[in-house]
N, C-alpha and C. Protein backbone atom coordinates (compact mmCIF):
# COMPACT_ATOMS: atom_id res chain seq x y z
N MET A 1 133.70 7.21 -132.98
CA MET A 1 133.68 8.34 -133.93
C MET A 1 132.73 8.04 -135.07
N ASN A 2 132.16 9.07 -135.69
CA ASN A 2 131.05 8.86 -136.61
C ASN A 2 131.45 8.49 -138.02
N LEU A 3 132.73 8.58 -138.38
CA LEU A 3 133.18 8.22 -139.72
C LEU A 3 134.34 7.23 -139.64
N VAL A 4 134.27 6.20 -140.48
CA VAL A 4 135.42 5.32 -140.65
C VAL A 4 136.60 6.17 -141.07
N HIS A 5 137.79 5.87 -140.54
CA HIS A 5 138.94 6.70 -140.88
C HIS A 5 140.24 5.94 -140.68
N THR A 6 141.28 6.45 -141.30
CA THR A 6 142.64 6.01 -141.03
C THR A 6 143.41 7.20 -140.48
N VAL A 7 144.53 6.90 -139.82
CA VAL A 7 145.31 7.97 -139.21
C VAL A 7 146.79 7.62 -139.24
N TYR A 8 147.61 8.62 -139.48
CA TYR A 8 149.06 8.48 -139.34
C TYR A 8 149.49 9.41 -138.21
N GLU A 9 150.20 8.86 -137.23
CA GLU A 9 150.72 9.67 -136.13
C GLU A 9 152.24 9.72 -136.20
N PRO A 10 152.82 10.93 -136.20
CA PRO A 10 154.28 11.04 -136.18
C PRO A 10 154.82 10.54 -134.83
N PRO A 11 156.13 10.27 -134.78
CA PRO A 11 156.73 9.88 -133.50
C PRO A 11 156.62 11.02 -132.48
N GLY A 12 156.63 10.65 -131.22
CA GLY A 12 156.60 11.66 -130.16
C GLY A 12 155.22 11.84 -129.59
N PRO A 13 155.15 12.50 -128.44
CA PRO A 13 153.88 12.61 -127.72
C PRO A 13 152.91 13.64 -128.29
N GLY A 14 153.39 14.57 -129.09
CA GLY A 14 152.50 15.62 -129.60
C GLY A 14 152.32 16.72 -128.56
N PRO A 15 151.41 17.67 -128.81
CA PRO A 15 150.49 17.69 -129.95
C PRO A 15 151.21 17.94 -131.28
N HIS A 16 150.63 17.38 -132.35
CA HIS A 16 151.23 17.45 -133.67
C HIS A 16 150.46 18.38 -134.61
N PRO A 17 151.17 19.06 -135.49
CA PRO A 17 150.45 19.73 -136.58
C PRO A 17 149.67 18.68 -137.35
N THR A 18 148.50 19.02 -137.83
CA THR A 18 147.58 18.01 -138.35
C THR A 18 146.96 18.42 -139.68
N LEU A 19 146.80 17.42 -140.55
CA LEU A 19 146.08 17.61 -141.80
C LEU A 19 144.82 16.75 -141.79
N LEU A 20 143.69 17.39 -142.02
CA LEU A 20 142.44 16.69 -142.28
C LEU A 20 142.37 16.52 -143.79
N THR A 21 142.50 15.28 -144.27
CA THR A 21 142.55 15.04 -145.71
C THR A 21 141.27 14.35 -146.17
N LEU A 22 140.69 14.86 -147.25
CA LEU A 22 139.38 14.42 -147.72
C LEU A 22 139.50 13.88 -149.14
N HIS A 23 139.21 12.60 -149.29
CA HIS A 23 139.40 11.91 -150.57
C HIS A 23 138.36 12.30 -151.62
N GLY A 24 138.60 11.85 -152.84
CA GLY A 24 137.69 12.13 -153.94
C GLY A 24 136.64 11.04 -154.13
N TRP A 25 135.78 11.24 -155.13
CA TRP A 25 134.68 10.33 -155.44
C TRP A 25 135.21 8.93 -155.81
N GLY A 26 134.67 7.91 -155.15
CA GLY A 26 135.05 6.54 -155.46
C GLY A 26 136.28 6.03 -154.74
N ALA A 27 136.89 6.86 -153.90
CA ALA A 27 138.08 6.44 -153.15
C ALA A 27 137.65 6.00 -151.74
N ASN A 28 138.60 5.95 -150.81
CA ASN A 28 138.27 5.52 -149.45
C ASN A 28 139.25 6.11 -148.46
N ALA A 29 139.16 5.67 -147.21
CA ALA A 29 139.94 6.27 -146.12
C ALA A 29 141.44 6.04 -146.26
N PHE A 30 141.84 5.11 -147.12
CA PHE A 30 143.27 4.84 -147.30
C PHE A 30 143.88 5.67 -148.43
N ASP A 31 143.05 6.33 -149.21
CA ASP A 31 143.50 6.93 -150.46
C ASP A 31 144.59 7.97 -150.28
N LEU A 32 144.46 8.84 -149.28
CA LEU A 32 145.43 9.94 -149.10
C LEU A 32 146.39 9.70 -147.94
N LEU A 33 146.24 8.56 -147.27
CA LEU A 33 147.12 8.27 -146.13
C LEU A 33 148.58 8.18 -146.56
N GLY A 34 148.80 7.71 -147.78
CA GLY A 34 150.16 7.56 -148.29
C GLY A 34 150.91 8.86 -148.49
N LEU A 35 150.21 10.00 -148.38
CA LEU A 35 150.89 11.29 -148.52
C LEU A 35 151.79 11.59 -147.32
N ALA A 36 151.53 10.94 -146.19
CA ALA A 36 152.18 11.31 -144.92
C ALA A 36 153.69 11.47 -145.03
N PRO A 37 154.45 10.51 -145.57
CA PRO A 37 155.91 10.68 -145.58
C PRO A 37 156.41 11.72 -146.58
N TYR A 38 155.57 12.13 -147.52
CA TYR A 38 156.00 13.07 -148.56
C TYR A 38 155.74 14.53 -148.19
N LEU A 39 155.01 14.77 -147.12
CA LEU A 39 154.66 16.13 -146.74
C LEU A 39 155.44 16.53 -145.50
N CYS A 40 156.38 17.45 -145.70
CA CYS A 40 157.16 18.01 -144.59
C CYS A 40 157.84 16.94 -143.77
N GLY A 41 158.35 15.92 -144.45
CA GLY A 41 159.12 14.89 -143.76
C GLY A 41 158.34 14.09 -142.74
N GLY A 42 157.04 13.98 -142.92
CA GLY A 42 156.23 13.17 -142.01
C GLY A 42 155.93 13.84 -140.69
N LYS A 43 156.01 15.17 -140.63
CA LYS A 43 155.78 15.87 -139.38
C LYS A 43 154.30 15.99 -139.00
N PHE A 44 153.42 15.83 -139.99
CA PHE A 44 151.99 16.02 -139.75
C PHE A 44 151.31 14.74 -139.28
N LEU A 45 150.41 14.89 -138.32
CA LEU A 45 149.43 13.86 -138.06
C LEU A 45 148.41 13.95 -139.19
N ILE A 46 148.10 12.83 -139.81
CA ILE A 46 147.19 12.82 -140.96
C ILE A 46 145.91 12.10 -140.58
N LEU A 47 144.78 12.78 -140.71
CA LEU A 47 143.46 12.20 -140.48
C LEU A 47 142.77 12.01 -141.82
N CYS A 48 142.30 10.80 -142.09
CA CYS A 48 141.67 10.50 -143.38
C CYS A 48 140.30 9.87 -143.16
N PRO A 49 139.27 10.68 -142.96
CA PRO A 49 137.92 10.12 -142.84
C PRO A 49 137.40 9.64 -144.19
N GLN A 50 136.45 8.72 -144.12
CA GLN A 50 135.85 8.14 -145.32
C GLN A 50 134.46 8.69 -145.55
N GLY A 51 134.16 9.05 -146.78
CA GLY A 51 132.85 9.59 -147.11
C GLY A 51 131.73 8.62 -146.79
N PRO A 52 130.52 9.12 -146.52
CA PRO A 52 129.42 8.27 -146.09
C PRO A 52 128.64 7.58 -147.21
N ILE A 53 128.86 7.98 -148.47
CA ILE A 53 128.07 7.44 -149.58
C ILE A 53 128.84 6.32 -150.28
N GLN A 54 128.21 5.15 -150.42
CA GLN A 54 128.84 4.05 -151.15
C GLN A 54 128.75 4.30 -152.65
N VAL A 55 129.86 4.00 -153.35
CA VAL A 55 129.95 4.23 -154.79
C VAL A 55 130.40 2.93 -155.46
N PRO A 56 129.54 2.25 -156.23
CA PRO A 56 129.99 1.07 -156.96
C PRO A 56 131.07 1.45 -157.97
N ILE A 57 132.17 0.70 -157.97
CA ILE A 57 133.27 1.03 -158.88
C ILE A 57 133.66 -0.15 -159.77
N GLY A 58 132.73 -1.09 -159.93
CA GLY A 58 132.99 -2.22 -160.81
C GLY A 58 133.02 -3.53 -160.07
N GLY A 59 132.26 -4.51 -160.58
CA GLY A 59 132.19 -5.80 -159.91
C GLY A 59 131.57 -5.64 -158.53
N SER A 60 132.24 -6.24 -157.55
CA SER A 60 131.76 -6.12 -156.17
C SER A 60 132.50 -5.02 -155.40
N ALA A 61 133.39 -4.31 -156.08
CA ALA A 61 134.18 -3.28 -155.42
C ALA A 61 133.33 -2.05 -155.11
N VAL A 62 133.64 -1.44 -153.99
CA VAL A 62 132.90 -0.26 -153.56
C VAL A 62 133.87 0.83 -153.14
N GLY A 63 133.62 2.04 -153.59
CA GLY A 63 134.34 3.21 -153.11
C GLY A 63 133.35 4.08 -152.35
N TYR A 64 133.78 5.32 -152.07
CA TYR A 64 132.94 6.18 -151.24
C TYR A 64 132.99 7.62 -151.75
N GLY A 65 131.95 8.37 -151.43
CA GLY A 65 131.88 9.77 -151.79
C GLY A 65 131.28 10.58 -150.66
N TRP A 66 131.30 11.89 -150.83
CA TRP A 66 130.82 12.80 -149.79
C TRP A 66 129.39 13.28 -150.05
N PHE A 67 129.05 13.46 -151.32
CA PHE A 67 127.72 13.90 -151.69
C PHE A 67 127.47 13.41 -153.11
N PRO A 68 126.19 13.27 -153.52
CA PRO A 68 125.90 12.74 -154.86
C PRO A 68 126.47 13.63 -155.96
N LEU A 69 126.95 13.00 -157.03
CA LEU A 69 127.40 13.76 -158.18
C LEU A 69 126.21 14.39 -158.89
N SER A 70 126.39 15.59 -159.39
CA SER A 70 125.29 16.30 -160.05
C SER A 70 125.18 15.96 -161.52
N MET A 71 126.23 15.35 -162.12
CA MET A 71 126.25 14.98 -163.54
C MET A 71 125.91 16.17 -164.43
N GLY A 72 126.53 17.29 -164.13
CA GLY A 72 126.35 18.48 -164.93
C GLY A 72 125.25 19.40 -164.45
N GLY A 73 124.43 18.95 -163.49
CA GLY A 73 123.37 19.79 -162.95
C GLY A 73 123.89 20.66 -161.82
N SER A 74 122.96 21.30 -161.13
CA SER A 74 123.35 22.16 -160.02
C SER A 74 123.77 21.33 -158.82
N LEU A 75 124.60 21.90 -158.01
CA LEU A 75 125.11 21.21 -156.83
C LEU A 75 123.99 21.02 -155.80
N ASP A 76 123.91 19.83 -155.22
CA ASP A 76 122.97 19.55 -154.14
C ASP A 76 123.57 20.09 -152.85
N VAL A 77 123.32 21.37 -152.58
CA VAL A 77 123.98 22.02 -151.45
C VAL A 77 123.53 21.44 -150.12
N LYS A 78 122.31 20.91 -150.05
CA LYS A 78 121.86 20.30 -148.80
C LYS A 78 122.68 19.06 -148.46
N SER A 79 123.02 18.28 -149.49
CA SER A 79 123.86 17.10 -149.27
C SER A 79 125.26 17.50 -148.83
N VAL A 80 125.78 18.56 -149.42
CA VAL A 80 127.11 19.06 -149.02
C VAL A 80 127.06 19.53 -147.57
N ALA A 81 125.99 20.23 -147.21
CA ALA A 81 125.86 20.72 -145.83
C ALA A 81 125.80 19.57 -144.85
N ARG A 82 125.07 18.51 -145.19
CA ARG A 82 125.00 17.34 -144.30
C ARG A 82 126.37 16.68 -144.16
N ALA A 83 127.07 16.54 -145.27
CA ALA A 83 128.40 15.94 -145.22
C ALA A 83 129.35 16.80 -144.40
N ARG A 84 129.24 18.11 -144.55
CA ARG A 84 130.10 19.01 -143.77
C ARG A 84 129.85 18.86 -142.29
N GLU A 85 128.59 18.72 -141.90
CA GLU A 85 128.27 18.53 -140.48
C GLU A 85 128.87 17.23 -139.96
N LEU A 86 128.85 16.17 -140.78
CA LEU A 86 129.46 14.91 -140.39
C LEU A 86 130.96 15.07 -140.14
N VAL A 87 131.62 15.78 -141.06
CA VAL A 87 133.06 15.97 -140.93
C VAL A 87 133.39 16.87 -139.74
N GLN A 88 132.59 17.89 -139.52
CA GLN A 88 132.81 18.76 -138.35
C GLN A 88 132.69 17.98 -137.05
N SER A 89 131.68 17.10 -136.97
CA SER A 89 131.51 16.26 -135.78
C SER A 89 132.68 15.29 -135.64
N PHE A 90 133.11 14.71 -136.76
CA PHE A 90 134.27 13.82 -136.75
C PHE A 90 135.50 14.54 -136.22
N LEU A 91 135.72 15.76 -136.70
CA LEU A 91 136.90 16.51 -136.30
C LEU A 91 136.83 16.89 -134.82
N ASP A 92 135.65 17.23 -134.34
CA ASP A 92 135.49 17.52 -132.91
C ASP A 92 135.90 16.31 -132.07
N ASP A 93 135.45 15.12 -132.48
CA ASP A 93 135.79 13.91 -131.75
C ASP A 93 137.28 13.59 -131.86
N ALA A 94 137.82 13.80 -133.06
CA ALA A 94 139.24 13.50 -133.27
C ALA A 94 140.13 14.37 -132.40
N GLN A 95 139.73 15.62 -132.19
CA GLN A 95 140.55 16.52 -131.37
C GLN A 95 140.54 16.11 -129.90
N GLY A 96 139.57 15.31 -129.50
CA GLY A 96 139.56 14.77 -128.16
C GLY A 96 140.27 13.44 -128.05
N ARG A 97 140.52 12.81 -129.18
CA ARG A 97 141.10 11.46 -129.18
C ARG A 97 142.57 11.43 -129.57
N TYR A 98 142.96 12.29 -130.50
CA TYR A 98 144.32 12.28 -131.03
C TYR A 98 145.08 13.54 -130.59
N PRO A 99 146.44 13.46 -130.53
CA PRO A 99 147.25 14.61 -130.08
C PRO A 99 147.38 15.67 -131.18
N ILE A 100 146.31 16.39 -131.43
CA ILE A 100 146.23 17.38 -132.51
C ILE A 100 146.56 18.76 -131.97
N ASP A 101 147.43 19.46 -132.68
CA ASP A 101 147.70 20.86 -132.38
C ASP A 101 146.64 21.69 -133.11
N GLY A 102 145.64 22.14 -132.38
CA GLY A 102 144.54 22.87 -132.99
C GLY A 102 144.93 24.19 -133.62
N LYS A 103 146.10 24.71 -133.27
CA LYS A 103 146.58 25.96 -133.87
C LYS A 103 147.28 25.72 -135.21
N LYS A 104 147.60 24.47 -135.49
CA LYS A 104 148.29 24.12 -136.74
C LYS A 104 147.53 22.99 -137.42
N LEU A 105 146.26 23.24 -137.65
CA LEU A 105 145.36 22.30 -138.30
C LEU A 105 144.98 22.83 -139.67
N ALA A 106 145.22 22.03 -140.70
CA ALA A 106 144.88 22.43 -142.07
C ALA A 106 143.99 21.37 -142.70
N VAL A 107 143.22 21.77 -143.70
CA VAL A 107 142.34 20.84 -144.42
C VAL A 107 142.79 20.76 -145.87
N VAL A 108 142.89 19.52 -146.36
CA VAL A 108 143.35 19.25 -147.72
C VAL A 108 142.33 18.33 -148.38
N GLY A 109 141.86 18.70 -149.57
CA GLY A 109 140.89 17.86 -150.26
C GLY A 109 141.26 17.65 -151.71
N PHE A 110 141.04 16.42 -152.19
CA PHE A 110 141.29 16.09 -153.59
C PHE A 110 139.96 15.89 -154.31
N SER A 111 139.79 16.52 -155.47
CA SER A 111 138.60 16.37 -156.30
C SER A 111 137.33 16.70 -155.51
N GLN A 112 136.39 15.78 -155.35
CA GLN A 112 135.19 16.07 -154.58
C GLN A 112 135.54 16.43 -153.14
N GLY A 113 136.60 15.84 -152.63
CA GLY A 113 137.06 16.20 -151.29
C GLY A 113 137.50 17.64 -151.19
N GLY A 114 137.92 18.22 -152.32
CA GLY A 114 138.28 19.63 -152.33
C GLY A 114 137.08 20.53 -152.12
N VAL A 115 135.92 20.13 -152.67
CA VAL A 115 134.69 20.87 -152.43
C VAL A 115 134.38 20.85 -150.94
N MET A 116 134.56 19.69 -150.32
CA MET A 116 134.35 19.58 -148.88
C MET A 116 135.34 20.46 -148.12
N ALA A 117 136.57 20.48 -148.57
CA ALA A 117 137.58 21.32 -147.92
C ALA A 117 137.19 22.79 -148.00
N TYR A 118 136.70 23.22 -149.16
CA TYR A 118 136.22 24.60 -149.30
C TYR A 118 135.09 24.88 -148.32
N SER A 119 134.13 23.95 -148.22
CA SER A 119 132.97 24.18 -147.36
C SER A 119 133.39 24.29 -145.89
N LEU A 120 134.36 23.50 -145.50
CA LEU A 120 134.84 23.54 -144.11
C LEU A 120 135.68 24.78 -143.84
N GLY A 121 136.66 25.02 -144.71
CA GLY A 121 137.57 26.12 -144.48
C GLY A 121 136.92 27.49 -144.60
N LEU A 122 136.11 27.68 -145.64
CA LEU A 122 135.45 28.97 -145.80
C LEU A 122 134.35 29.17 -144.78
N GLY A 123 133.79 28.06 -144.28
CA GLY A 123 132.75 28.17 -143.26
C GLY A 123 133.29 28.46 -141.87
N GLU A 124 134.50 27.98 -141.59
CA GLU A 124 135.13 28.19 -140.29
C GLU A 124 136.60 28.57 -140.47
N PRO A 125 136.88 29.72 -141.06
CA PRO A 125 138.27 30.07 -141.35
C PRO A 125 139.14 30.21 -140.11
N ASP A 126 138.53 30.50 -138.97
CA ASP A 126 139.32 30.62 -137.75
C ASP A 126 139.77 29.26 -137.21
N ARG A 127 139.15 28.19 -137.69
CA ARG A 127 139.50 26.86 -137.18
C ARG A 127 140.73 26.29 -137.86
N PHE A 128 141.02 26.76 -139.07
CA PHE A 128 142.07 26.16 -139.87
C PHE A 128 143.21 27.13 -140.15
N ALA A 129 144.42 26.57 -140.17
CA ALA A 129 145.61 27.36 -140.48
C ALA A 129 145.87 27.43 -141.98
N GLY A 130 145.15 26.61 -142.74
CA GLY A 130 145.33 26.61 -144.19
C GLY A 130 144.35 25.66 -144.84
N LEU A 131 144.15 25.84 -146.16
CA LEU A 131 143.23 25.03 -146.95
C LEU A 131 143.90 24.77 -148.29
N ALA A 132 143.94 23.50 -148.70
CA ALA A 132 144.48 23.15 -150.01
C ALA A 132 143.45 22.37 -150.79
N ALA A 133 143.13 22.85 -152.00
CA ALA A 133 142.18 22.19 -152.89
C ALA A 133 142.94 21.65 -154.09
N LEU A 134 142.98 20.33 -154.23
CA LEU A 134 143.78 19.67 -155.24
C LEU A 134 142.89 19.07 -156.31
N SER A 135 143.08 19.47 -157.55
CA SER A 135 142.29 18.95 -158.66
C SER A 135 140.79 19.05 -158.36
N SER A 136 140.36 20.21 -157.92
CA SER A 136 138.99 20.38 -157.46
C SER A 136 138.39 21.66 -158.03
N TRP A 137 137.28 22.10 -157.44
CA TRP A 137 136.63 23.34 -157.88
C TRP A 137 135.79 23.90 -156.74
N LEU A 138 135.55 25.19 -156.80
CA LEU A 138 134.72 25.87 -155.81
C LEU A 138 133.41 26.26 -156.49
N PRO A 139 132.33 25.48 -156.27
CA PRO A 139 131.06 25.83 -156.90
C PRO A 139 130.47 27.11 -156.30
N ARG A 140 129.98 27.97 -157.14
CA ARG A 140 129.33 29.18 -156.64
C ARG A 140 128.15 28.83 -155.73
N ASP A 141 127.45 27.72 -156.07
CA ASP A 141 126.30 27.30 -155.26
C ASP A 141 126.70 26.99 -153.83
N LEU A 142 127.97 26.60 -153.65
CA LEU A 142 128.43 26.26 -152.30
C LEU A 142 128.32 27.46 -151.37
N LEU A 143 128.50 28.65 -151.90
CA LEU A 143 128.44 29.84 -151.06
C LEU A 143 127.04 30.06 -150.50
N ASN A 144 126.04 29.39 -151.10
CA ASN A 144 124.67 29.52 -150.60
C ASN A 144 124.47 28.87 -149.24
N ILE A 145 125.33 27.91 -148.89
CA ILE A 145 125.21 27.29 -147.56
C ILE A 145 126.10 28.01 -146.55
N LEU A 146 126.76 29.06 -147.02
CA LEU A 146 127.57 29.91 -146.15
C LEU A 146 127.06 31.34 -146.34
N PRO A 147 125.80 31.63 -145.97
CA PRO A 147 125.21 32.93 -146.29
C PRO A 147 125.92 34.10 -145.65
N ASP A 148 126.55 33.85 -144.52
CA ASP A 148 127.30 34.91 -143.85
C ASP A 148 128.76 34.49 -143.80
N VAL A 149 129.37 34.42 -144.98
CA VAL A 149 130.77 33.97 -145.05
C VAL A 149 131.63 34.85 -144.15
N PRO A 150 132.26 34.24 -143.14
CA PRO A 150 133.09 35.04 -142.24
C PRO A 150 134.30 35.63 -142.96
N ALA A 151 134.96 36.52 -142.27
CA ALA A 151 136.17 37.11 -142.85
C ALA A 151 137.19 36.01 -143.12
N THR A 152 137.66 35.93 -144.35
CA THR A 152 138.60 34.88 -144.73
C THR A 152 139.96 35.43 -145.13
N GLU A 153 140.21 36.69 -144.83
CA GLU A 153 141.46 37.31 -145.26
C GLU A 153 142.70 36.67 -144.62
N GLN A 154 142.50 35.96 -143.51
CA GLN A 154 143.64 35.36 -142.82
C GLN A 154 143.79 33.87 -143.12
N LEU A 155 142.95 33.31 -144.00
CA LEU A 155 143.01 31.88 -144.32
C LEU A 155 143.79 31.66 -145.62
N PRO A 156 145.04 31.20 -145.54
CA PRO A 156 145.78 30.93 -146.76
C PRO A 156 145.21 29.71 -147.49
N VAL A 157 145.08 29.84 -148.80
CA VAL A 157 144.52 28.77 -149.62
C VAL A 157 145.48 28.45 -150.76
N LEU A 158 145.68 27.15 -151.00
CA LEU A 158 146.47 26.68 -152.13
C LEU A 158 145.54 25.94 -153.08
N VAL A 159 145.56 26.32 -154.35
CA VAL A 159 144.80 25.61 -155.38
C VAL A 159 145.79 25.01 -156.37
N GLN A 160 145.72 23.71 -156.57
CA GLN A 160 146.57 23.03 -157.55
C GLN A 160 145.68 22.31 -158.56
N HIS A 161 146.10 22.34 -159.83
CA HIS A 161 145.29 21.69 -160.86
C HIS A 161 146.16 21.30 -162.05
N GLY A 162 145.75 20.23 -162.73
CA GLY A 162 146.45 19.79 -163.93
C GLY A 162 145.85 20.42 -165.18
N SER A 163 146.70 20.90 -166.07
CA SER A 163 146.21 21.52 -167.31
C SER A 163 145.57 20.49 -168.23
N LYS A 164 145.82 19.19 -167.99
CA LYS A 164 145.25 18.12 -168.80
C LYS A 164 144.21 17.31 -168.03
N ASP A 165 143.66 17.90 -166.98
CA ASP A 165 142.68 17.20 -166.16
C ASP A 165 141.45 16.84 -166.99
N GLN A 166 141.19 15.54 -167.13
CA GLN A 166 140.08 15.07 -167.95
C GLN A 166 138.78 14.96 -167.15
N ALA A 167 138.86 15.03 -165.84
CA ALA A 167 137.67 14.88 -164.99
C ALA A 167 137.08 16.24 -164.61
N ILE A 168 137.93 17.17 -164.23
CA ILE A 168 137.50 18.52 -163.85
C ILE A 168 138.34 19.50 -164.65
N ASP A 169 137.73 20.15 -165.60
CA ASP A 169 138.47 21.02 -166.52
C ASP A 169 139.22 22.11 -165.75
N VAL A 170 140.41 22.40 -166.23
CA VAL A 170 141.26 23.38 -165.55
C VAL A 170 140.60 24.75 -165.48
N GLY A 171 139.70 25.04 -166.41
CA GLY A 171 139.00 26.32 -166.37
C GLY A 171 138.17 26.49 -165.11
N ARG A 172 137.68 25.39 -164.56
CA ARG A 172 136.89 25.46 -163.34
C ARG A 172 137.79 25.84 -162.15
N ALA A 173 139.02 25.37 -162.16
CA ALA A 173 139.96 25.75 -161.11
C ALA A 173 140.31 27.23 -161.22
N ARG A 174 140.52 27.69 -162.45
CA ARG A 174 140.86 29.11 -162.64
C ARG A 174 139.72 30.00 -162.19
N GLN A 175 138.48 29.59 -162.49
CA GLN A 175 137.33 30.36 -162.04
C GLN A 175 137.22 30.33 -160.52
N SER A 176 137.56 29.20 -159.92
CA SER A 176 137.54 29.09 -158.45
C SER A 176 138.50 30.10 -157.83
N VAL A 177 139.65 30.26 -158.45
CA VAL A 177 140.63 31.22 -157.94
C VAL A 177 140.07 32.63 -157.99
N GLU A 178 139.37 32.96 -159.07
CA GLU A 178 138.76 34.29 -159.17
C GLU A 178 137.69 34.49 -158.10
N THR A 179 136.91 33.45 -157.83
CA THR A 179 135.91 33.53 -156.77
C THR A 179 136.58 33.77 -155.42
N LEU A 180 137.67 33.07 -155.17
CA LEU A 180 138.40 33.26 -153.91
C LEU A 180 138.94 34.68 -153.80
N ARG A 181 139.44 35.20 -154.89
CA ARG A 181 139.96 36.57 -154.86
C ARG A 181 138.84 37.58 -154.60
N ASP A 182 137.65 37.29 -155.15
CA ASP A 182 136.50 38.15 -154.88
C ASP A 182 136.16 38.15 -153.39
N LEU A 183 136.42 37.02 -152.72
CA LEU A 183 136.17 36.90 -151.28
C LEU A 183 137.34 37.42 -150.45
N ARG A 184 138.35 37.93 -151.14
CA ARG A 184 139.54 38.49 -150.48
C ARG A 184 140.34 37.42 -149.73
N VAL A 185 140.29 36.22 -150.26
CA VAL A 185 141.06 35.11 -149.69
C VAL A 185 142.48 35.16 -150.26
N PRO A 186 143.51 35.03 -149.43
CA PRO A 186 144.89 34.99 -149.94
C PRO A 186 145.18 33.64 -150.59
N VAL A 187 145.08 33.57 -151.91
CA VAL A 187 145.17 32.30 -152.62
C VAL A 187 146.45 32.21 -153.44
N THR A 188 147.02 31.01 -153.46
CA THR A 188 148.15 30.68 -154.31
C THR A 188 147.68 29.65 -155.32
N TYR A 189 147.92 29.90 -156.61
CA TYR A 189 147.46 28.98 -157.65
C TYR A 189 148.66 28.37 -158.38
N LYS A 190 148.64 27.03 -158.48
CA LYS A 190 149.70 26.30 -159.17
C LYS A 190 149.06 25.38 -160.20
N GLU A 191 149.55 25.45 -161.44
CA GLU A 191 149.04 24.62 -162.52
C GLU A 191 150.17 23.73 -163.03
N TYR A 192 149.82 22.47 -163.37
CA TYR A 192 150.84 21.49 -163.72
C TYR A 192 150.48 20.77 -165.03
N ASP A 193 151.50 20.26 -165.67
CA ASP A 193 151.31 19.47 -166.89
C ASP A 193 150.96 18.04 -166.47
N MET A 194 149.71 17.85 -166.05
CA MET A 194 149.27 16.54 -165.58
C MET A 194 147.76 16.44 -165.73
N GLY A 195 147.22 15.25 -165.46
CA GLY A 195 145.79 15.02 -165.53
C GLY A 195 145.15 15.18 -164.16
N HIS A 196 144.15 14.32 -163.89
CA HIS A 196 143.39 14.37 -162.62
C HIS A 196 144.16 13.53 -161.61
N GLU A 197 145.17 14.15 -161.01
CA GLU A 197 146.12 13.38 -160.19
C GLU A 197 146.99 14.33 -159.37
N LEU A 198 147.87 13.71 -158.60
CA LEU A 198 148.97 14.41 -157.97
C LEU A 198 150.25 13.89 -158.61
N ASN A 199 151.27 14.74 -158.70
CA ASN A 199 152.56 14.25 -159.18
C ASN A 199 153.68 14.75 -158.27
N ALA A 200 154.90 14.41 -158.60
CA ALA A 200 156.02 14.76 -157.74
C ALA A 200 156.14 16.26 -157.54
N ASN A 201 155.93 17.03 -158.61
CA ASN A 201 156.05 18.49 -158.51
C ASN A 201 154.94 19.08 -157.63
N SER A 202 153.72 18.60 -157.82
CA SER A 202 152.61 19.16 -157.03
C SER A 202 152.76 18.79 -155.56
N LEU A 203 153.24 17.58 -155.27
CA LEU A 203 153.45 17.19 -153.88
C LEU A 203 154.56 18.01 -153.24
N SER A 204 155.62 18.27 -154.01
CA SER A 204 156.72 19.09 -153.49
C SER A 204 156.24 20.50 -153.17
N ASP A 205 155.43 21.06 -154.07
CA ASP A 205 154.90 22.42 -153.85
C ASP A 205 153.93 22.43 -152.66
N LEU A 206 153.10 21.39 -152.54
CA LEU A 206 152.19 21.30 -151.40
C LEU A 206 152.97 21.23 -150.10
N SER A 207 154.02 20.43 -150.08
CA SER A 207 154.84 20.32 -148.88
C SER A 207 155.48 21.65 -148.51
N SER A 208 156.00 22.36 -149.50
CA SER A 208 156.63 23.65 -149.24
C SER A 208 155.61 24.67 -148.73
N TRP A 209 154.42 24.64 -149.32
CA TRP A 209 153.36 25.56 -148.90
C TRP A 209 152.94 25.27 -147.46
N LEU A 210 152.79 24.00 -147.12
CA LEU A 210 152.42 23.63 -145.75
C LEU A 210 153.51 24.06 -144.75
N GLU A 211 154.74 23.90 -145.15
CA GLU A 211 155.85 24.31 -144.29
C GLU A 211 155.80 25.81 -144.03
N ASP A 212 155.52 26.57 -145.09
CA ASP A 212 155.52 28.03 -145.00
C ASP A 212 154.29 28.56 -144.28
N LYS A 213 153.13 28.03 -144.58
CA LYS A 213 151.87 28.58 -144.08
C LYS A 213 151.38 27.96 -142.78
N VAL A 214 151.74 26.71 -142.51
CA VAL A 214 151.19 26.01 -141.35
C VAL A 214 152.24 25.74 -140.29
N LEU A 215 153.40 25.19 -140.69
CA LEU A 215 154.41 24.82 -139.71
C LEU A 215 155.23 26.00 -139.21
N SER A 216 155.62 26.89 -140.11
CA SER A 216 156.58 27.94 -139.74
C SER A 216 156.02 29.08 -138.93
N PRO A 217 154.79 29.56 -139.21
CA PRO A 217 154.29 30.71 -138.45
C PRO A 217 154.25 30.45 -136.95
N ILE A 218 154.63 31.45 -136.19
CA ILE A 218 154.54 31.36 -134.73
C ILE A 218 153.12 31.72 -134.32
N VAL A 219 152.46 30.79 -133.65
CA VAL A 219 151.08 31.01 -133.24
C VAL A 219 151.06 31.34 -131.75
N LEU A 220 150.58 32.53 -131.44
CA LEU A 220 150.52 32.95 -130.04
C LEU A 220 149.35 32.29 -129.33
N ALA A 221 149.55 31.92 -128.10
CA ALA A 221 148.49 31.31 -127.31
C ALA A 221 147.37 32.32 -127.10
N SER A 222 146.13 31.82 -127.19
CA SER A 222 144.98 32.71 -127.00
C SER A 222 144.61 32.81 -125.52
């Protein structure tokens, strides 16, 4: 497979409902793996690919990212598009290797990984049963790499953000929600008294949302 990754597989032969989880800037493939037991009682197979860009994080330590940071400039949409292609190829391979229920596949991204989640979900809304963007933002420039944004009215989206987020201002999340509404995306927005992080309340709400939007719906065979 083309990306280093970690995976959590629930007990049983599958196929399993699956979360493609995308970490933030400076993290790695282990960063979101620990969510597995806290989301819907461990029912999801969790795929955690690692971003392709090395990020020095002090001393000899290295983290990873999906695309270069713009440092306040415009988004490098070509880099995002390349990263999206890598993740799409990874997911194609993963569906041949792991017992994934393709009808109950959702994408979850934290911070920069949320931008990646937006690019994947909005680009292929028929592929995913849901999209969750955690402490992230939807850049308007991102829509430029999706010139013919498909109908997204059936893609449920959850946006969670901390009102005290010091890395990505909460106003950017609120604007992202307005952009999603302009696209007629069915979005749920949750704001928390926290910083650039996940907490017990946000994880509980994420778990409930996944149960309602991904696990519970009856999906008819095509």
